Protein backbone atom coordinates (compact mmCIF):
# COMPACT_ATOMS: atom_id res chain seq x y z
CA MET A 1 130.59 -50.51 -39.81
CA ARG A 2 128.68 -50.95 -43.16
CA LEU A 3 127.39 -47.83 -45.06
CA PRO A 4 123.87 -47.75 -46.44
CA ARG A 5 123.65 -49.11 -49.88
CA ALA A 6 122.91 -45.64 -51.50
CA LEU A 7 126.02 -44.24 -49.66
CA SER A 8 128.28 -47.18 -50.62
CA THR A 9 127.11 -46.82 -54.24
CA LEU A 10 128.10 -42.97 -53.91
CA SER A 11 131.55 -43.74 -52.63
CA THR A 12 132.27 -46.45 -55.38
CA THR A 13 130.75 -44.70 -58.39
CA GLY A 14 131.04 -41.05 -57.53
CA SER A 15 127.55 -40.45 -58.57
CA LEU A 16 124.60 -39.10 -56.56
CA ARG A 17 121.70 -40.74 -58.43
CA PRO A 18 120.75 -43.22 -55.83
CA VAL A 19 120.64 -40.33 -53.14
CA ARG A 20 118.67 -38.01 -55.26
CA SER A 21 116.11 -40.69 -56.39
CA SER A 22 115.39 -41.83 -52.78
CA LEU A 23 115.08 -38.17 -51.87
CA ARG A 24 112.70 -37.39 -54.77
CA ARG A 25 110.66 -40.39 -53.80
CA ALA A 26 110.52 -39.35 -50.20
CA SER A 27 109.56 -35.75 -51.01
CA SER A 28 106.81 -37.13 -53.44
CA ALA A 29 105.48 -39.36 -50.82
CA LEU A 30 105.45 -36.40 -48.10
CA THR A 31 103.59 -34.00 -50.72
CA LEU A 32 100.90 -36.83 -51.47
CA LEU A 33 100.48 -37.32 -47.61
CA LEU A 34 99.99 -33.68 -46.82
CA GLY A 35 97.73 -33.15 -49.68
CA ALA A 36 95.41 -36.08 -48.65
CA LEU A 37 95.31 -34.79 -45.08
CA GLY A 38 94.58 -31.30 -45.89
CA ALA A 39 91.94 -31.75 -48.55
CA ALA A 40 88.53 -30.48 -47.86
CA PRO A 41 85.48 -32.43 -48.67
CA ALA A 42 83.67 -31.17 -51.87
CA THR A 43 80.41 -29.67 -51.60
CA ALA A 44 77.80 -28.84 -54.27
CA CYS A 45 76.67 -25.21 -54.94
CA GLU A 46 73.81 -23.74 -52.93
CA VAL A 47 71.21 -24.30 -55.79
CA CYS A 48 71.93 -28.07 -56.16
CA LEU A 49 72.70 -28.94 -52.62
CA GLY A 50 69.05 -28.15 -51.43
CA ALA A 51 67.37 -29.10 -54.72
CA ALA A 52 68.59 -32.59 -54.85
CA ASP A 53 66.01 -34.16 -52.45
CA GLY A 54 62.96 -32.05 -53.85
CA GLY A 55 63.37 -33.11 -57.53
CA SER A 56 63.93 -29.76 -58.87
CA PRO A 57 64.00 -29.29 -62.71
CA LEU A 58 67.48 -28.05 -62.53
CA VAL A 59 68.84 -31.29 -61.00
CA SER A 60 66.65 -33.46 -63.22
CA GLY A 61 67.92 -31.71 -66.27
CA ALA A 62 71.55 -32.09 -65.15
CA ARG A 63 71.02 -35.87 -64.53
CA LEU A 64 69.22 -36.14 -67.92
CA GLY A 65 72.31 -34.39 -69.68
CA VAL A 66 74.76 -36.72 -67.91
CA PHE A 67 72.85 -39.88 -68.92
CA LEU A 68 72.69 -38.45 -72.47
CA LEU A 69 76.31 -37.88 -72.74
CA LEU A 70 76.92 -41.46 -71.29
CA ALA A 71 74.65 -42.91 -73.90
CA VAL A 72 76.31 -41.17 -76.78
CA THR A 73 79.85 -42.29 -75.42
CA VAL A 74 78.77 -45.92 -75.17
CA ALA A 75 77.19 -45.79 -78.71
CA VAL A 76 80.52 -44.43 -80.26
CA LEU A 77 82.53 -47.00 -78.53
CA GLY A 78 80.33 -49.78 -79.57
CA ALA A 79 80.41 -48.73 -83.20
CA PHE A 80 84.08 -48.56 -82.86
CA ALA A 81 84.29 -52.04 -81.39
CA ARG A 82 81.89 -53.42 -84.11
CA PHE A 83 83.80 -51.89 -86.94
CA PHE A 84 86.86 -53.93 -85.68
CA PHE A 85 84.75 -57.08 -85.54
CA TYR A 86 83.65 -56.24 -88.98
CA LEU A 87 87.22 -56.00 -90.12
CA ARG A 88 88.26 -59.31 -88.45
CA ASN A 89 85.35 -61.15 -89.97
CA ARG A 90 86.29 -59.83 -93.46
CA ALA A 91 89.84 -60.85 -93.00
CA ARG A 92 88.80 -64.34 -92.09
CA GLN A 93 86.46 -64.48 -95.08
CA ALA A 94 89.21 -63.08 -97.47
CA GLU A 95 91.77 -65.78 -96.01
CA THR A 96 89.08 -68.63 -96.42
CA GLU A 97 88.49 -67.62 -100.10
CA GLN A 98 92.26 -67.41 -100.70
CA ILE A 99 92.94 -70.85 -99.43
CA ALA A 100 90.02 -72.08 -101.56
CA SER A 101 91.40 -70.69 -104.71
CA GLU A 102 94.75 -72.14 -103.94
CA TRP A 103 93.41 -75.48 -103.45
CA ALA A 104 91.29 -75.34 -106.71
CA GLN A 105 94.56 -74.24 -108.38
CA LEU A 106 96.50 -77.17 -106.94
CA GLN A 107 93.73 -79.74 -107.87
CA ARG A 108 93.67 -78.20 -111.49
CA SER A 109 97.44 -78.63 -111.77
CA SER A 110 97.52 -82.07 -110.37
CA SER A 111 94.85 -83.45 -112.55
CA THR A 112 96.61 -82.39 -115.83
């Protein structure tokens, strides 16, 4: 009769690491499963729940605020990306100018 791999490792190395890691993994999976099964659906507060259909000013203001925050986030990330494109272009330009100056020096030294 062969022992399971985790138990055979235990008998040869004298360590409980494989057994502990498998128990930890099983307990994590069980916790996630029970949490998913026991979760209740999220509901809105009474003010927003009934007002979403009628177009109340409270809901319209909340939506506008969310879109404004998204616009600011997109603008900042876009500026950040544009800055790195600017740095890339400047590095290419500096490299081209350096190559051109080195080539001019080589031509001057070969003509003399």
